[in-house]
Amino acid sequence: MFRTLLISLACTLPALAFAQWQWIDKDGRKVFSDQSPPADIPAKNIIKQPGGRSPVAAAPAGAASAPQEASSGPRAAASAPKVGGKDKELEAKKKEAEAAEAAKNKAEDEKLAKARAENCSRAKVAKSGFDSGQRIARTNAKGEKEFLDDAARDVEAKRLQGIIDSNCKAS
C-alpha cells in the first residue's frame, strides 16, 4: 500500500514541472516562470503555458482575467521577473571579469618580456665570450675541468645565437 502511494506520488511530481510559462518579453528575451506573464505581453509572444493548452486559446481567457490582474497590480508586478536590474549587475560582473582577465594577461606578458630580456642579455654576454677567442672551460659530470675544442665551441656558439635570435627580436 505504502509502495503504491510512493510510486504514484513519484509519477505525479514530473507533472508539476510542466506547470511553467514561457514567453518572449518586450526586449526579445525568453522568460520562464511559474507565474503567468504580465498583462502587457501579447498572446503571440506566449510560447508555452501549463496544462498543454495552446497560447492562442489562452488569449480570450487572459483578456477576461486582465481586469482582475489590474486590480491586483502590485502583486502581479512583484511576481514578474525583474530583468533590468539583473542585466546591469550581470554586465558589471562581466566587465569586471574581463578587466581582471586583461590585467592578468598583461602581467603575464610583462613577466614573459622581462624573462626574454634577461635571457637575451645572458646569451649576448656568453656569445661575446665565445667570439673573443679565449679558451672556454666547462666542468663535466665528474667535477673535472674540460676545455672546449673548436667543434664544441661552434656548437655552443650556434646554440647561443639561436637563443639571441629568439629572445632579442624586439631589442
Protein backbone atom coordinates (compact mmCIF):
# COMPACT_ATOMS: atom_id res chain seq x y z
CA MET A 1 0.00 0.00 0.00
CA PHE A 2 2.75 2.42 1.00
CA ARG A 3 4.79 1.48 -2.08
CA THR A 4 1.87 2.12 -4.37
CA LEU A 5 1.30 5.52 -2.82
CA LEU A 6 5.01 6.35 -3.09
CA ILE A 7 5.18 5.27 -6.75
CA SER A 8 2.07 7.25 -7.68
CA LEU A 9 3.48 10.30 -5.90
CA ALA A 10 6.79 9.93 -7.76
CA CYS A 11 4.91 9.72 -11.06
CA THR A 12 2.91 12.88 -10.40
CA LEU A 13 5.92 15.01 -9.41
CA PRO A 14 7.15 15.43 -13.02
CA ALA A 15 3.68 16.67 -13.98
CA LEU A 16 4.17 19.60 -11.60
CA ALA A 17 7.26 20.58 -13.57
CA PHE A 18 5.07 21.11 -16.62
CA ALA A 19 3.30 23.95 -14.82
CA GLN A 20 5.57 26.55 -16.33
CA TRP A 21 5.02 29.54 -18.53
CA GLN A 22 7.37 30.52 -21.27
CA TRP A 23 7.17 33.78 -23.21
CA ILE A 24 9.23 36.37 -25.00
CA ASP A 25 9.37 39.71 -23.19
CA LYS A 26 9.38 43.17 -24.73
CA ASP A 27 13.19 43.08 -25.05
CA GLY A 28 13.12 39.81 -27.03
CA ARG A 29 14.42 37.54 -24.24
CA LYS A 30 12.85 34.22 -23.33
CA VAL A 31 11.34 34.21 -19.85
CA PHE A 32 10.50 31.07 -17.88
CA SER A 33 8.20 31.33 -14.87
CA ASP A 34 5.62 29.51 -12.81
CA GLN A 35 3.55 32.71 -12.87
CA SER A 36 1.54 33.87 -15.85
CA PRO A 37 3.12 36.62 -17.96
CA PRO A 38 2.27 40.27 -17.27
CA ALA A 39 -0.78 41.74 -18.98
CA ASP A 40 1.34 43.78 -21.42
CA ILE A 41 2.74 40.60 -23.08
CA PRO A 42 0.73 39.86 -26.26
CA ALA A 43 -0.65 36.35 -26.73
CA LYS A 44 1.54 35.77 -29.78
CA ASN A 45 4.65 36.06 -27.56
CA ILE A 46 3.49 33.31 -25.18
CA ILE A 47 5.39 30.19 -26.22
CA LYS A 48 4.25 27.71 -23.57
CA GLN A 49 1.78 27.63 -20.74
CA PRO A 50 0.87 24.98 -18.16
CA GLY A 51 -1.54 22.18 -18.84
CA GLY A 52 -0.66 21.83 -22.50
CA ARG A 53 -3.15 24.50 -23.54
CA SER A 54 -2.22 26.39 -26.66
CA PRO A 55 -1.28 30.04 -26.19
CA VAL A 56 -3.87 31.22 -28.74
CA ALA A 57 -6.71 29.63 -26.76
CA ALA A 58 -5.45 31.37 -23.65
CA ALA A 59 -5.75 34.84 -25.20
CA PRO A 60 -9.53 35.18 -24.59
CA ALA A 61 -9.18 33.80 -21.09
CA GLY A 62 -6.27 36.17 -20.49
CA ALA A 63 -8.37 39.09 -21.72
CA ALA A 64 -11.14 38.13 -19.34
CA SER A 65 -8.75 37.92 -16.43
CA ALA A 66 -6.95 41.16 -17.34
CA PRO A 67 -9.22 43.34 -15.17
CA GLN A 68 -8.59 41.01 -12.23
CA GLU A 69 -4.82 41.31 -12.76
CA ALA A 70 -5.14 45.06 -12.96
CA SER A 71 -6.88 45.11 -9.60
CA SER A 72 -4.07 43.05 -8.09
CA GLY A 73 -1.42 45.21 -9.79
CA PRO A 74 1.25 45.29 -7.06
CA ARG A 75 1.13 41.52 -6.61
CA ALA A 76 1.42 40.87 -10.33
CA ALA A 77 4.23 43.38 -10.67
CA ALA A 78 6.07 41.84 -7.72
CA SER A 79 5.86 38.34 -9.21
CA ALA A 80 7.10 39.46 -12.62
CA PRO A 81 10.79 38.82 -13.14
CA LYS A 82 12.96 41.90 -12.70
CA VAL A 83 15.15 41.58 -15.74
CA GLY A 84 16.53 45.14 -15.94
CA GLY A 85 18.44 45.16 -12.65
CA LYS A 86 19.97 41.73 -13.11
CA ASP A 87 21.20 42.61 -16.58
CA LYS A 88 23.05 45.65 -15.25
CA GLU A 89 24.59 43.56 -12.47
CA LEU A 90 25.50 40.84 -14.95
CA GLU A 91 27.07 43.36 -17.32
CA ALA A 92 29.04 44.91 -14.44
CA LYS A 93 30.31 41.49 -13.32
CA LYS A 94 31.17 40.59 -16.89
CA LYS A 95 33.15 43.83 -17.32
CA GLU A 96 34.97 43.20 -14.01
CA ALA A 97 35.86 39.68 -15.10
CA GLU A 98 37.11 40.93 -18.48
CA ALA A 99 39.17 43.66 -16.80
CA ALA A 100 40.67 41.14 -14.37
CA GLU A 101 41.48 38.78 -17.25
CA ALA A 102 43.09 41.63 -19.21
CA ALA A 103 45.18 42.64 -16.18
CA LYS A 104 46.26 39.04 -15.66
CA ASN A 105 47.24 38.69 -19.33
CA LYS A 106 49.15 41.98 -19.20
CA ALA A 107 51.05 40.86 -16.09
CA GLU A 108 51.93 37.55 -17.76
CA ASP A 109 53.10 39.37 -20.90
CA GLU A 110 55.27 41.71 -18.83
CA LYS A 111 56.77 38.77 -16.94
CA LEU A 112 57.48 36.97 -20.20
CA ALA A 113 59.05 40.10 -21.72
CA LYS A 114 61.28 40.53 -18.66
CA ALA A 115 62.42 36.89 -18.86
CA ARG A 116 63.17 37.25 -22.58
CA ALA A 117 65.18 40.41 -21.98
CA GLU A 118 67.19 38.64 -19.26
CA ASN A 119 67.80 35.60 -21.47
CA CYS A 120 68.84 37.90 -24.32
CA SER A 121 71.41 39.74 -22.21
CA ARG A 122 72.85 36.49 -20.79
CA ALA A 123 73.13 34.94 -24.23
CA LYS A 124 74.84 38.07 -25.64
CA VAL A 125 77.40 38.05 -22.81
CA ALA A 126 78.09 34.34 -23.31
CA LYS A 127 78.32 34.77 -27.09
CA SER A 128 80.81 37.63 -26.71
CA GLY A 129 82.98 35.29 -24.62
CA PHE A 130 82.89 32.65 -27.36
CA ASP A 131 83.62 35.25 -30.07
CA SER A 132 86.61 36.68 -28.15
CA GLY A 133 88.72 33.62 -28.91
CA GLN A 134 89.73 32.86 -25.36
CA ARG A 135 89.69 29.28 -24.13
CA ILE A 136 86.36 28.18 -22.62
CA ALA A 137 86.33 25.57 -19.87
CA ARG A 138 83.40 23.61 -18.51
CA THR A 139 83.00 21.29 -15.57
CA ASN A 140 82.00 17.75 -16.54
CA ALA A 141 79.79 15.33 -14.60
CA LYS A 142 82.77 14.11 -12.55
CA GLY A 143 83.58 17.67 -11.48
CA GLU A 144 86.66 17.89 -13.67
CA LYS A 145 87.54 20.96 -15.73
CA GLU A 146 87.40 20.40 -19.52
CA PHE A 147 88.32 22.85 -22.27
CA LEU A 148 86.05 23.03 -25.31
CA ASP A 149 87.57 22.14 -28.67
CA ASP A 150 86.70 24.01 -31.89
CA ALA A 151 83.74 21.75 -32.77
CA ALA A 152 82.18 22.12 -29.28
CA ARG A 153 82.78 25.90 -29.44
CA ASP A 154 80.95 26.08 -32.79
CA VAL A 155 78.00 24.04 -31.48
CA GLU A 156 77.72 26.21 -28.36
CA ALA A 157 78.05 29.42 -30.39
CA LYS A 158 75.21 28.29 -32.69
CA ARG A 159 73.05 27.44 -29.68
CA LEU A 160 73.68 30.86 -28.15
CA GLN A 161 72.95 32.57 -31.49
CA GLY A 162 69.59 30.71 -31.59
CA ILE A 163 68.76 32.00 -28.11
CA ILE A 164 69.72 35.51 -29.16
CA ASP A 165 67.60 35.25 -32.33
CA SER A 166 64.52 34.07 -30.43
CA ASN A 167 64.76 36.34 -27.36
CA CYS A 168 66.28 39.55 -28.74
CA LYS A 169 63.77 40.28 -31.53
CA ALA A 170 62.36 43.48 -30.03
CA SER A 171 65.73 44.71 -28.72
